[in-house]
Amino acid sequence: MATKLETFLTSKKIDRRRVISASQKLERLKREDRQIKLAQRKAKKSEEAKQPGAAKPRSGKPVSGATLDKAFAGKPISGPSKTRLLRAINKILEQRKQEPVALKDLFDAPKKKAE
């Protein structure tokens, strides 16, 4: 049985290698990200309060083949991994001049545990 993600990618004719490549380009650390991280480290050393309006740097961790395999198999993956995957797919769709998708369109809703 195919997952929502797999059926979406096959219907839009998006190759998994393209998703990995797009994620690598999106998540790569840039000069601004390194400056943000440096400022955070300096603030931590001097014990200054964090600035609430500070931008959040990229993670520097792209979607891997193993993460994509887990997603295709329907196994649980972490929230940040889902977000990275969504960003990569939306970037590809943007390049093709198609509408971006939401997270719920690619993944099933998490099942609630019985208490």
PDB file of N, CA and C in Angstrom:
ATOM      1  N   MET A   1       0.832  -1.168   0.000  1.00  0.00           N
ATOM      2  CA  MET A   1       0.000   0.000   0.000  1.00  0.00           C
ATOM      3  C   MET A   1       0.894   1.256   0.000  1.00  0.00           C
ATOM      4  N   ALA A   2       0.639   2.158  -0.900  1.00  0.00           N
ATOM      5  CA  ALA A   2       1.447   3.363  -1.024  1.00  0.00           C
ATOM      6  C   ALA A   2       0.990   4.425  -0.015  1.00  0.00           C
ATOM      7  N   THR A   3       1.932   5.198   0.463  1.00  0.00           N
ATOM      8  CA  THR A   3       1.618   6.262   1.407  1.00  0.00           C
ATOM      9  C   THR A   3       1.162   7.506   0.641  1.00  0.00           C
ATOM     10  N   LYS A   4       0.646   8.481   1.379  1.00  0.00           N
ATOM     11  CA  LYS A   4       0.194   9.718   0.751  1.00  0.00           C
ATOM     12  C   LYS A   4       1.356  10.418   0.041  1.00  0.00           C
ATOM     13  N   LEU A   5       2.507  10.395   0.677  1.00  0.00           N
ATOM     14  CA  LEU A   5       3.679  11.046   0.105  1.00  0.00           C
ATOM     15  C   LEU A   5       4.080  10.386  -1.212  1.00  0.00           C
ATOM     16  N   GLU A   6       4.127   9.076  -1.211  1.00  0.00           N
ATOM     17  CA  GLU A   6       4.546   8.348  -2.410  1.00  0.00           C
ATOM     18  C   GLU A   6       3.569   8.565  -3.561  1.00  0.00           C
ATOM     19  N   THR A   7       2.271   8.508  -3.268  1.00  0.00           N
ATOM     20  CA  THR A   7       1.287   8.721  -4.330  1.00  0.00           C
ATOM     21  C   THR A   7       1.346  10.160  -4.850  1.00  0.00           C
ATOM     22  N   PHE A   8       1.601  11.115  -3.957  1.00  0.00           N
ATOM     23  CA  PHE A   8       1.708  12.513  -4.389  1.00  0.00           C
ATOM     24  C   PHE A   8       2.899  12.690  -5.321  1.00  0.00           C
ATOM     25  N   LEU A   9       4.060  12.141  -4.931  1.00  0.00           N
ATOM     26  CA  LEU A   9       5.259  12.300  -5.754  1.00  0.00           C
ATOM     27  C   LEU A   9       5.113  11.620  -7.113  1.00  0.00           C
ATOM     28  N   THR A  10       4.471  10.463  -7.146  1.00  0.00           N
ATOM     29  CA  THR A  10       4.288   9.792  -8.434  1.00  0.00           C
ATOM     30  C   THR A  10       3.265  10.527  -9.299  1.00  0.00           C
ATOM     31  N   SER A  11       2.228  11.100  -8.684  1.00  0.00           N
ATOM     32  CA  SER A  11       1.235  11.823  -9.473  1.00  0.00           C
ATOM     33  C   SER A  11       1.812  13.116 -10.054  1.00  0.00           C
ATOM     34  N   LYS A  12       2.730  13.758  -9.330  1.00  0.00           N
ATOM     35  CA  LYS A  12       3.365  14.994  -9.814  1.00  0.00           C
ATOM     36  C   LYS A  12       4.637  14.705 -10.608  1.00  0.00           C
ATOM     37  N   LYS A  13       5.000  13.426 -10.734  1.00  0.00           N
ATOM     38  CA  LYS A  13       6.198  12.992 -11.468  1.00  0.00           C
ATOM     39  C   LYS A  13       7.465  13.659 -10.930  1.00  0.00           C
ATOM     40  N   ILE A  14       7.619  13.554  -9.607  1.00  0.00           N
ATOM     41  CA  ILE A  14       8.805  14.087  -8.928  1.00  0.00           C
ATOM     42  C   ILE A  14       9.673  12.913  -8.488  1.00  0.00           C
ATOM     43  N   ASP A  15      10.917  12.939  -8.903  1.00  0.00           N
ATOM     44  CA  ASP A  15      11.854  11.872  -8.558  1.00  0.00           C
ATOM     45  C   ASP A  15      12.420  12.116  -7.165  1.00  0.00           C
ATOM     46  N   ARG A  16      12.658  11.049  -6.420  1.00  0.00           N
ATOM     47  CA  ARG A  16      13.160  11.170  -5.052  1.00  0.00           C
ATOM     48  C   ARG A  16      14.545  11.799  -5.013  1.00  0.00           C
ATOM     49  N   ARG A  17      15.358  11.566  -6.047  1.00  0.00           N
ATOM     50  CA  ARG A  17      16.687  12.184  -6.088  1.00  0.00           C
ATOM     51  C   ARG A  17      16.579  13.701  -6.202  1.00  0.00           C
ATOM     52  N   ARG A  18      15.542  14.156  -6.887  1.00  0.00           N
ATOM     53  CA  ARG A  18      15.313  15.590  -7.037  1.00  0.00           C
ATOM     54  C   ARG A  18      14.931  16.213  -5.690  1.00  0.00           C
ATOM     55  N   VAL A  19      14.168  15.467  -4.899  1.00  0.00           N
ATOM     56  CA  VAL A  19      13.774  15.952  -3.572  1.00  0.00           C
ATOM     57  C   VAL A  19      15.005  16.089  -2.686  1.00  0.00           C
ATOM     58  N   ILE A  20      15.880  15.099  -2.713  1.00  0.00           N
ATOM     59  CA  ILE A  20      17.097  15.128  -1.897  1.00  0.00           C
ATOM     60  C   ILE A  20      17.994  16.283  -2.325  1.00  0.00           C
ATOM     61  N   SER A  21      18.128  16.479  -3.628  1.00  0.00           N
ATOM     62  CA  SER A  21      18.962  17.556  -4.145  1.00  0.00           C
ATOM     63  C   SER A  21      18.404  18.927  -3.766  1.00  0.00           C
ATOM     64  N   ALA A  22      17.107  19.098  -3.888  1.00  0.00           N
ATOM     65  CA  ALA A  22      16.483  20.376  -3.521  1.00  0.00           C
ATOM     66  C   ALA A  22      16.657  20.650  -2.034  1.00  0.00           C
ATOM     67  N   SER A  23      16.539  19.611  -1.216  1.00  0.00           N
ATOM     68  CA  SER A  23      16.692  19.778   0.221  1.00  0.00           C
ATOM     69  C   SER A  23      18.125  20.181   0.570  1.00  0.00           C
ATOM     70  N   GLN A  24      19.088  19.598  -0.106  1.00  0.00           N
ATOM     71  CA  GLN A  24      20.481  19.955   0.154  1.00  0.00           C
ATOM     72  C   GLN A  24      20.747  21.419  -0.168  1.00  0.00           C
ATOM     73  N   LYS A  25      20.159  21.903  -1.253  1.00  0.00           N
ATOM     74  CA  LYS A  25      20.359  23.304  -1.627  1.00  0.00           C
ATOM     75  C   LYS A  25      19.644  24.247  -0.661  1.00  0.00           C
ATOM     76  N   LEU A  26      18.463  23.858  -0.198  1.00  0.00           N
ATOM     77  CA  LEU A  26      17.698  24.719   0.703  1.00  0.00           C
ATOM     78  C   LEU A  26      18.296  24.796   2.103  1.00  0.00           C
ATOM     79  N   GLU A  27      18.755  23.679   2.610  1.00  0.00           N
ATOM     80  CA  GLU A  27      19.196  23.602   4.003  1.00  0.00           C
ATOM     81  C   GLU A  27      20.668  23.935   4.202  1.00  0.00           C
ATOM     82  N   ARG A  28      21.405  24.165   3.121  1.00  0.00           N
ATOM     83  CA  ARG A  28      22.820  24.478   3.242  1.00  0.00           C
ATOM     84  C   ARG A  28      22.987  25.768   4.037  1.00  0.00           C
ATOM     85  N   LEU A  29      23.933  25.764   4.973  1.00  0.00           N
ATOM     86  CA  LEU A  29      24.187  26.956   5.780  1.00  0.00           C
ATOM     87  C   LEU A  29      24.792  28.052   4.922  1.00  0.00           C
ATOM     88  N   LYS A  30      24.306  29.257   5.116  1.00  0.00           N
ATOM     89  CA  LYS A  30      24.814  30.412   4.383  1.00  0.00           C
ATOM     90  C   LYS A  30      25.493  31.347   5.376  1.00  0.00           C
ATOM     91  N   ARG A  31      26.100  32.378   4.859  1.00  0.00           N
ATOM     92  CA  ARG A  31      26.841  33.311   5.705  1.00  0.00           C
ATOM     93  C   ARG A  31      25.957  33.906   6.803  1.00  0.00           C
ATOM     94  N   GLU A  32      24.718  34.263   6.448  1.00  0.00           N
ATOM     95  CA  GLU A  32      23.808  34.856   7.435  1.00  0.00           C
ATOM     96  C   GLU A  32      23.521  33.882   8.579  1.00  0.00           C
ATOM     97  N   ASP A  33      23.371  32.593   8.242  1.00  0.00           N
ATOM     98  CA  ASP A  33      23.090  31.582   9.265  1.00  0.00           C
ATOM     99  C   ASP A  33      24.258  31.439  10.227  1.00  0.00           C
ATOM    100  N   ARG A  34      25.466  31.459   9.675  1.00  0.00           N
ATOM    101  CA  ARG A  34      26.650  31.349  10.527  1.00  0.00           C
ATOM    102  C   ARG A  34      26.786  32.572  11.436  1.00  0.00           C
ATOM    103  N   GLN A  35      26.432  33.746  10.922  1.00  0.00           N
ATOM    104  CA  GLN A  35      26.491  34.956  11.743  1.00  0.00           C
ATOM    105  C   GLN A  35      25.470  34.893  12.879  1.00  0.00           C
ATOM    106  N   ILE A  36      24.286  34.364  12.590  1.00  0.00           N
ATOM    107  CA  ILE A  36      23.255  34.225  13.628  1.00  0.00           C
ATOM    108  C   ILE A  36      23.732  33.274  14.715  1.00  0.00           C
ATOM    109  N   LYS A  37      24.311  32.143  14.312  1.00  0.00           N
ATOM    110  CA  LYS A  37      24.800  31.165  15.286  1.00  0.00           C
ATOM    111  C   LYS A  37      25.947  31.740  16.120  1.00  0.00           C
ATOM    112  N   LEU A  38      26.825  32.517  15.494  1.00  0.00           N
ATOM    113  CA  LEU A  38      27.921  33.151  16.220  1.00  0.00           C
ATOM    114  C   LEU A  38      27.381  34.128  17.255  1.00  0.00           C
ATOM    115  N   ALA A  39      26.399  34.922  16.869  1.00  0.00           N
ATOM    116  CA  ALA A  39      25.802  35.881  17.803  1.00  0.00           C
ATOM    117  C   ALA A  39      25.137  35.155  18.966  1.00  0.00           C
ATOM    118  N   GLN A  40      24.506  34.018  18.702  1.00  0.00           N
ATOM    119  CA  GLN A  40      23.879  33.244  19.768  1.00  0.00           C
ATOM    120  C   GLN A  40      24.917  32.700  20.731  1.00  0.00           C
ATOM    121  N   ARG A  41      26.048  32.219  20.196  1.00  0.00           N
ATOM    122  CA  ARG A  41      27.109  31.702  21.065  1.00  0.00           C
ATOM    123  C   ARG A  41      27.706  32.812  21.926  1.00  0.00           C
ATOM    124  N   LYS A  42      27.919  33.980  21.319  1.00  0.00           N
ATOM    125  CA  LYS A  42      28.480  35.110  22.080  1.00  0.00           C
ATOM    126  C   LYS A  42      27.513  35.562  23.168  1.00  0.00           C
ATOM    127  N   ALA A  43      26.225  35.587  22.859  1.00  0.00           N
ATOM    128  CA  ALA A  43      25.222  35.995  23.845  1.00  0.00           C
ATOM    129  C   ALA A  43      25.162  34.987  24.983  1.00  0.00           C
ATOM    130  N   LYS A  44      25.365  33.715  24.657  1.00  0.00           N
ATOM    131  CA  LYS A  44      25.321  32.672  25.677  1.00  0.00           C
ATOM    132  C   LYS A  44      26.521  32.807  26.629  1.00  0.00           C
ATOM    133  N   LYS A  45      27.695  33.137  26.069  1.00  0.00           N
ATOM    134  CA  LYS A  45      28.893  33.285  26.892  1.00  0.00           C
ATOM    135  C   LYS A  45      28.792  34.501  27.812  1.00  0.00           C
ATOM    136  N   SER A  46      28.252  35.586  27.304  1.00  0.00           N
ATOM    137  CA  SER A  46      28.156  36.792  28.115  1.00  0.00           C
ATOM    138  C   SER A  46      26.880  36.815  28.954  1.00  0.00           C
ATOM    139  N   GLU A  47      26.107  35.766  28.859  1.00  0.00           N
ATOM    140  CA  GLU A  47      24.877  35.581  29.632  1.00  0.00           C
ATOM    141  C   GLU A  47      23.882  36.723  29.432  1.00  0.00           C
ATOM    142  N   GLU A  48      23.813  37.211  28.204  1.00  0.00           N
ATOM    143  CA  GLU A  48      22.819  38.226  27.880  1.00  0.00           C
ATOM    144  C   GLU A  48      21.509  37.534  27.535  1.00  0.00           C
ATOM    145  N   ALA A  49      20.430  38.277  27.669  1.00  0.00           N
ATOM    146  CA  ALA A  49      19.116  37.719  27.332  1.00  0.00           C
ATOM    147  C   ALA A  49      19.023  37.557  25.821  1.00  0.00           C
ATOM    148  N   LYS A  50      18.325  36.519  25.396  1.00  0.00           N
ATOM    149  CA  LYS A  50      18.119  36.295  23.970  1.00  0.00           C
ATOM    150  C   LYS A  50      17.237  37.387  23.403  1.00  0.00           C
ATOM    151  N   GLN A  51      17.521  37.761  22.197  1.00  0.00           N
ATOM    152  CA  GLN A  51      16.694  38.754  21.533  1.00  0.00           C
ATOM    153  C   GLN A  51      15.471  38.058  20.954  1.00  0.00           C
ATOM    154  N   PRO A  52      14.265  38.487  21.322  1.00  0.00           N
ATOM    155  CA  PRO A  52      13.065  37.791  20.857  1.00  0.00           C
ATOM    156  C   PRO A  52      12.838  37.886  19.361  1.00  0.00           C
ATOM    157  N   GLY A  53      13.367  38.919  18.702  1.00  0.00           N
ATOM    158  CA  GLY A  53      13.133  39.109  17.280  1.00  0.00           C
ATOM    159  C   GLY A  53      14.225  38.492  16.414  1.00  0.00           C
ATOM    160  N   ALA A  54      15.141  37.746  17.018  1.00  0.00           N
ATOM    161  CA  ALA A  54      16.247  37.191  16.257  1.00  0.00           C
ATOM    162  C   ALA A  54      15.760  36.116  15.293  1.00  0.00           C
ATOM    163  N   ALA A  55      16.353  36.111  14.109  1.00  0.00           N
ATOM    164  CA  ALA A  55      15.973  35.128  13.096  1.00  0.00           C
ATOM    165  C   ALA A  55      16.531  33.760  13.464  1.00  0.00           C
ATOM    166  N   LYS A  56      15.870  32.731  12.999  1.00  0.00           N
ATOM    167  CA  LYS A  56      16.308  31.374  13.272  1.00  0.00           C
ATOM    168  C   LYS A  56      17.120  30.879  12.068  1.00  0.00           C
ATOM    169  N   PRO A  57      18.319  30.370  12.301  1.00  0.00           N
ATOM    170  CA  PRO A  57      19.137  29.912  11.173  1.00  0.00           C
ATOM    171  C   PRO A  57      18.642  28.586  10.612  1.00  0.00           C
ATOM    172  N   ARG A  58      19.083  28.274   9.406  1.00  0.00           N
ATOM    173  CA  ARG A  58      18.761  26.978   8.812  1.00  0.00           C
ATOM    174  C   ARG A  58      19.429  25.888   9.636  1.00  0.00           C
ATOM    175  N   SER A  59      18.924  24.674   9.504  1.00  0.00           N
ATOM    176  CA  SER A  59      19.459  23.580  10.313  1.00  0.00           C
ATOM    177  C   SER A  59      20.776  23.062   9.771  1.00  0.00           C
ATOM    178  N   GLY A  60      20.964  23.120   8.456  1.00  0.00           N
ATOM    179  CA  GLY A  60      22.157  22.559   7.856  1.00  0.00           C
ATOM    180  C   GLY A  60      22.039  21.064   7.649  1.00  0.00           C
ATOM    181  N   LYS A  61      20.845  20.511   7.925  1.00  0.00           N
ATOM    182  CA  LYS A  61      20.625  19.072   7.795  1.00  0.00           C
ATOM    183  C   LYS A  61      19.589  18.807   6.698  1.00  0.00           C
ATOM    184  N   PRO A  62      20.019  18.381   5.529  1.00  0.00           N
ATOM    185  CA  PRO A  62      19.055  18.104   4.462  1.00  0.00           C
ATOM    186  C   PRO A  62      18.346  16.770   4.671  1.00  0.00           C
ATOM    187  N   VAL A  63      17.318  16.538   3.891  1.00  0.00           N
ATOM    188  CA  VAL A  63      16.604  15.262   3.926  1.00  0.00           C
ATOM    189  C   VAL A  63      17.538  14.191   3.378  1.00  0.00           C
ATOM    190  N   SER A  64      17.649  13.081   4.065  1.00  0.00           N
ATOM    191  CA  SER A  64      18.522  11.999   3.614  1.00  0.00           C
ATOM    192  C   SER A  64      17.712  10.922   2.906  1.00  0.00           C
ATOM    193  N   GLY A  65      18.408  10.035   2.243  1.00  0.00           N
ATOM    194  CA  GLY A  65      17.748   8.916   1.571  1.00  0.00           C
ATOM    195  C   GLY A  65      17.060   7.999   2.559  1.00  0.00           C
ATOM    196  N   ALA A  66      17.662   7.828   3.733  1.00  0.00           N
ATOM    197  CA  ALA A  66      17.068   6.968   4.756  1.00  0.00           C
ATOM    198  C   ALA A  66      15.753   7.558   5.274  1.00  0.00           C
ATOM    199  N   THR A  67      15.721   8.871   5.434  1.00  0.00           N
ATOM    200  CA  THR A  67      14.491   9.535   5.886  1.00  0.00           C
ATOM    201  C   THR A  67      13.397   9.376   4.843  1.00  0.00           C
ATOM    202  N   LEU A  68      13.769   9.507   3.589  1.00  0.00           N
ATOM    203  CA  LEU A  68      12.801   9.355   2.504  1.00  0.00           C
ATOM    204  C   LEU A  68      12.299   7.918   2.428  1.00  0.00           C
ATOM    205  N   ASP A  69      13.181   6.948   2.665  1.00  0.00           N
ATOM    206  CA  ASP A  69      12.764   5.542   2.692  1.00  0.00           C
ATOM    207  C   ASP A  69      11.753   5.292   3.808  1.00  0.00           C
ATOM    208  N   LYS A  70      12.011   5.864   4.996  1.00  0.00           N
ATOM    209  CA  LYS A  70      11.084   5.713   6.118  1.00  0.00           C
ATOM    210  C   LYS A  70       9.723   6.316   5.787  1.00  0.00           C
ATOM    211  N   ALA A  71       9.751   7.487   5.155  1.00  0.00           N
ATOM    212  CA  ALA A  71       8.494   8.164   4.810  1.00  0.00           C
ATOM    213  C   ALA A  71       7.712   7.348   3.789  1.00  0.00           C
ATOM    214  N   PHE A  72       8.397   6.754   2.820  1.00  0.00           N
ATOM    215  CA  PHE A  72       7.727   5.931   1.812  1.00  0.00           C
ATOM    216  C   PHE A  72       7.172   4.649   2.411  1.00  0.00           C
ATOM    217  N   ALA A  73       7.845   4.129   3.447  1.00  0.00           N
ATOM    218  CA  ALA A  73       7.394   2.899   4.085  1.00  0.00           C
ATOM    219  C   ALA A  73       6.260   3.144   5.069  1.00  0.00           C
ATOM    220  N   GLY A  74       5.987   4.403   5.363  1.00  0.00           N
ATOM    221  CA  GLY A  74       4.918   4.721   6.309  1.00  0.00           C
ATOM    222  C   GLY A  74       5.364   4.683   7.754  1.00  0.00           C
ATOM    223  N   LYS A  75       6.661   4.606   7.985  1.00  0.00           N
ATOM    224  CA  LYS A  75       7.187   4.607   9.346  1.00  0.00           C
ATOM    225  C   LYS A  75       7.206   6.040   9.871  1.00  0.00           C
ATOM    226  N   PRO A  76       7.160   6.197  11.191  1.00  0.00           N
ATOM    227  CA  PRO A  76       7.144   7.562  11.740  1.00  0.00           C
ATOM    228  C   PRO A  76       8.489   8.260  11.538  1.00  0.00           C
ATOM    229  N   ILE A  77       8.420   9.545  11.160  1.00  0.00           N
ATOM    230  CA  ILE A  77       9.617  10.378  11.062  1.00  0.00           C
ATOM    231  C   ILE A  77       9.374  11.638  11.892  1.00  0.00           C
ATOM    232  N   SER A  78      10.444  12.305  12.259  1.00  0.00           N
ATOM    233  CA  SER A  78      10.325  13.451  13.156  1.00  0.00           C
ATOM    234  C   SER A  78       9.658  14.644  12.468  1.00  0.00           C
ATOM    235  N   GLY A  79       9.165  15.542  13.272  1.00  0.00           N
ATOM    236  CA  GLY A  79       8.510  16.741  12.762  1.00  0.00           C
ATOM    237  C   GLY A  79       9.431  17.621  11.921  1.00  0.00           C
ATOM    238  N   PRO A  80      10.662  17.887  12.397  1.00  0.00           N
ATOM    239  CA  PRO A  80      11.569  18.694  11.577  1.00  0.00           C
ATOM    240  C   PRO A  80      11.897  18.048  10.228  1.00  0.00           C
ATOM    241  N   SER A  81      11.977  16.723  10.200  1.00  0.00           N
ATOM    242  CA  SER A  81      12.236  16.025   8.937  1.00  0.00           C
ATOM    243  C   SER A  81      11.065  16.190   7.975  1.00  0.00           C
ATOM    244  N   LYS A  82       9.856  16.136   8.512  1.00  0.00           N
ATOM    245  CA  LYS A  82       8.676  16.349   7.678  1.00  0.00           C
ATOM    246  C   LYS A  82       8.676  17.757   7.098  1.00  0.00           C
ATOM    247  N   THR A  83       9.058  18.724   7.923  1.00  0.00           N
ATOM    248  CA  THR A  83       9.083  20.105   7.471  1.00  0.00           C
ATOM    249  C   THR A  83      10.134  20.305   6.386  1.00  0.00           C
ATOM    250  N   ARG A  84      11.316  19.709   6.550  1.00  0.00           N
ATOM    251  CA  ARG A  84      12.356  19.814   5.532  1.00  0.00           C
ATOM    252  C   ARG A  84      11.903  19.186   4.224  1.00  0.00           C
ATOM    253  N   LEU A  85      11.224  18.049   4.332  1.00  0.00           N
ATOM    254  CA  LEU A  85      10.705  17.365   3.154  1.00  0.00           C
ATOM    255  C   LEU A  85       9.654  18.224   2.454  1.00  0.00           C
ATOM    256  N   LEU A  86       8.778  18.829   3.229  1.00  0.00           N
ATOM    257  CA  LEU A  86       7.746  19.714   2.683  1.00  0.00           C
ATOM    258  C   LEU A  86       8.368  20.906   1.968  1.00  0.00           C
ATOM    259  N   ARG A  87       9.391  21.523   2.589  1.00  0.00           N
ATOM    260  CA  ARG A  87      10.051  22.673   1.960  1.00  0.00           C
ATOM    261  C   ARG A  87      10.681  22.296   0.632  1.00  0.00           C
ATOM    262  N   ALA A  88      11.328  21.120   0.569  1.00  0.00           N
ATOM    263  CA  ALA A  88      11.974  20.679  -0.667  1.00  0.00           C
ATOM    264  C   ALA A  88      10.939  20.427  -1.762  1.00  0.00           C
ATOM    265  N   ILE A  89       9.838  19.785  -1.408  1.00  0.00           N
ATOM    266  CA  ILE A  89       8.795  19.496  -2.392  1.00  0.00           C
ATOM    267  C   ILE A  89       8.148  20.794  -2.875  1.00  0.00           C
ATOM    268  N   ASN A  90       7.899  21.723  -1.970  1.00  0.00           N
ATOM    269  CA  ASN A  90       7.309  23.001  -2.370  1.00  0.00           C
ATOM    270  C   ASN A  90       8.250  23.804  -3.262  1.00  0.00           C
ATOM    271  N   LYS A  91       9.549  23.688  -3.031  1.00  0.00           N
ATOM    272  CA  LYS A  91      10.523  24.367  -3.891  1.00  0.00           C
ATOM    273  C   LYS A  91      10.463  23.799  -5.311  1.00  0.00           C
ATOM    274  N   ILE A  92      10.356  22.485  -5.426  1.00  0.00           N
ATOM    275  CA  ILE A  92      10.255  21.855  -6.746  1.00  0.00           C
ATOM    276  C   ILE A  92       8.964  22.277  -7.437  1.00  0.00           C
ATOM    277  N   LEU A  93       7.870  22.291  -6.690  1.00  0.00           N
ATOM    278  CA  LEU A  93       6.590  22.707  -7.265  1.00  0.00           C
ATOM    279  C   LEU A  93       6.636  24.178  -7.688  1.00  0.00           C
ATOM    280  N   GLU A  94       7.318  24.996  -6.915  1.00  0.00           N
ATOM    281  CA  GLU A  94       7.460  26.409  -7.263  1.00  0.00           C
ATOM    282  C   GLU A  94       8.226  26.564  -8.579  1.00  0.00           C
ATOM    283  N   GLN A  95       9.262  25.758  -8.764  1.00  0.00           N
ATOM    284  CA  GLN A  95      10.035  25.809 -10.003  1.00  0.00           C
ATOM    285  C   GLN A  95       9.194  25.389 -11.202  1.00  0.00           C
ATOM    286  N   ARG A  96       8.241  24.514 -10.966  1.00  0.00           N
ATOM    287  CA  ARG A  96       7.344  24.056 -12.036  1.00  0.00           C
ATOM    288  C   ARG A  96       6.108  24.937 -12.174  1.00  0.00           C
ATOM    289  N   LYS A  97       6.066  26.017 -11.406  1.00  0.00           N
ATOM    290  CA  LYS A  97       4.944  26.968 -11.415  1.00  0.00           C
ATOM    291  C   LYS A  97       3.621  26.296 -11.048  1.00  0.00           C
ATOM    292  N   GLN A  98       3.685  25.445 -10.013  1.00  0.00           N
ATOM    293  CA  GLN A  98       2.499  24.779  -9.479  1.00  0.00           C
ATOM    294  C   GLN A  98       2.249  25.285  -8.068  1.00  0.00           C
ATOM    295  N   GLU A  99       1.066  25.014  -7.568  1.00  0.00           N
ATOM    296  CA  GLU A  99       0.679  25.457  -6.235  1.00  0.00           C
ATOM    297  C   GLU A  99       1.427  24.673  -5.149  1.00  0.00           C
ATOM    298  N   PRO A 100       1.864  25.334  -4.071  1.00  0.00           N
ATOM    299  CA  PRO A 100       2.504  24.617  -2.959  1.00  0.00           C
ATOM    300  C   PRO A 100       1.475  23.780  -2.202  1.00  0.00           C
ATOM    301  N   VAL A 101       1.951  22.771  -1.510  1.00  0.00           N
ATOM    302  CA  VAL A 101       1.082  21.879  -0.754  1.00  0.00           C
ATOM    303  C   VAL A 101       1.286  22.098   0.739  1.00  0.00           C
ATOM    304  N   ALA A 102       0.360  21.576   1.518  1.00  0.00           N
ATOM    305  CA  ALA A 102       0.449  21.653   2.976  1.00  0.00           C
ATOM    306  C   ALA A 102       0.959  20.321   3.519  1.00  0.00           C
ATOM    307  N   LEU A 103       1.375  20.346   4.756  1.00  0.00           N
ATOM    308  CA  LEU A 103       1.917  19.154   5.403  1.00  0.00           C
ATOM    309  C   LEU A 103       0.883  18.034   5.470  1.00  0.00           C
ATOM    310  N   LYS A 104      -0.370  18.391   5.709  1.00  0.00           N
ATOM    311  CA  LYS A 104      -1.418  17.377   5.823  1.00  0.00           C
ATOM    312  C   LYS A 104      -1.702  16.678   4.492  1.00  0.00           C
ATOM    313  N   ASP A 105      -1.310  17.316   3.367  1.00  0.00           N
ATOM    314  CA  ASP A 105      -1.499  16.691   2.059  1.00  0.00           C
ATOM    315  C   ASP A 105      -0.485  15.583   1.801  1.00  0.00           C
ATOM    316  N   LEU A 106       0.638  15.613   2.530  1.00  0.00           N
ATOM    317  CA  LEU A 106       1.703  14.641   2.309  1.00  0.00           C
ATOM    318  C   LEU A 106       1.761  13.536   3.356  1.00  0.00           C
ATOM    319  N   PHE A 107       1.317  13.837   4.563  1.00  0.00           N
ATOM    320  CA  PHE A 107       1.426  12.871   5.646  1.00  0.00           C
ATOM    321  C   PHE A 107       0.076  12.656   6.322  1.00  0.00           C
ATOM    322  N   ASP A 108      -0.102  11.461   6.871  1.00  0.00           N
ATOM    323  CA  ASP A 108      -1.314  11.166   7.626  1.00  0.00           C
ATOM    324  C   ASP A 108      -1.226  11.874   8.968  1.00  0.00           C
ATOM    325  N   ALA A 109      -2.397  12.141   9.531  1.00  0.00           N
ATOM    326  CA  ALA A 109      -2.434  12.765  10.845  1.00  0.00           C
ATOM    327  C   ALA A 109      -1.917  11.774  11.886  1.00  0.00           C
ATOM    328  N   PRO A 110      -1.207  12.261  12.899  1.00  0.00           N
ATOM    329  CA  PRO A 110      -0.699  11.335  13.925  1.00  0.00           C
ATOM    330  C   PRO A 110      -1.833  10.694  14.690  1.00  0.00           C
ATOM    331  N   LYS A 111      -1.670   9.410  14.961  1.00  0.00           N
ATOM    332  CA  LYS A 111      -2.713   8.677  15.686  1.00  0.00           C
ATOM    333  C   LYS A 111      -2.580   8.955  17.176  1.00  0.00           C
ATOM    334  N   LYS A 112      -3.694   9.214  17.809  1.00  0.00           N
ATOM    335  CA  LYS A 112      -3.691   9.477  19.248  1.00  0.00           C
ATOM    336  C   LYS A 112      -3.633   8.162  19.998  1.00  0.00           C
ATOM    337  N   LYS A 113      -2.836   8.163  21.041  1.00  0.00           N
ATOM    338  CA  LYS A 113      -2.700   6.957  21.857  1.00  0.00           C
ATOM    339  C   LYS A 113      -3.890   6.831  22.795  1.00  0.00           C
ATOM    340  N   ALA A 114      -4.333   5.586  22.954  1.00  0.00           N
ATOM    341  CA  ALA A 114      -5.449   5.330  23.890  1.00  0.00           C
ATOM    342  C   ALA A 114      -4.900   5.377  25.310  1.00  0.00           C
ATOM    343  N   GLU A 115      -5.627   6.064  26.163  1.00  0.00           N
ATOM    344  CA  GLU A 115      -5.151   6.175  27.559  1.00  0.00           C
ATOM    345  C   GLU A 115      -5.908   5.231  28.453  1.00  0.00           C
TER     346      GLU A 115
END
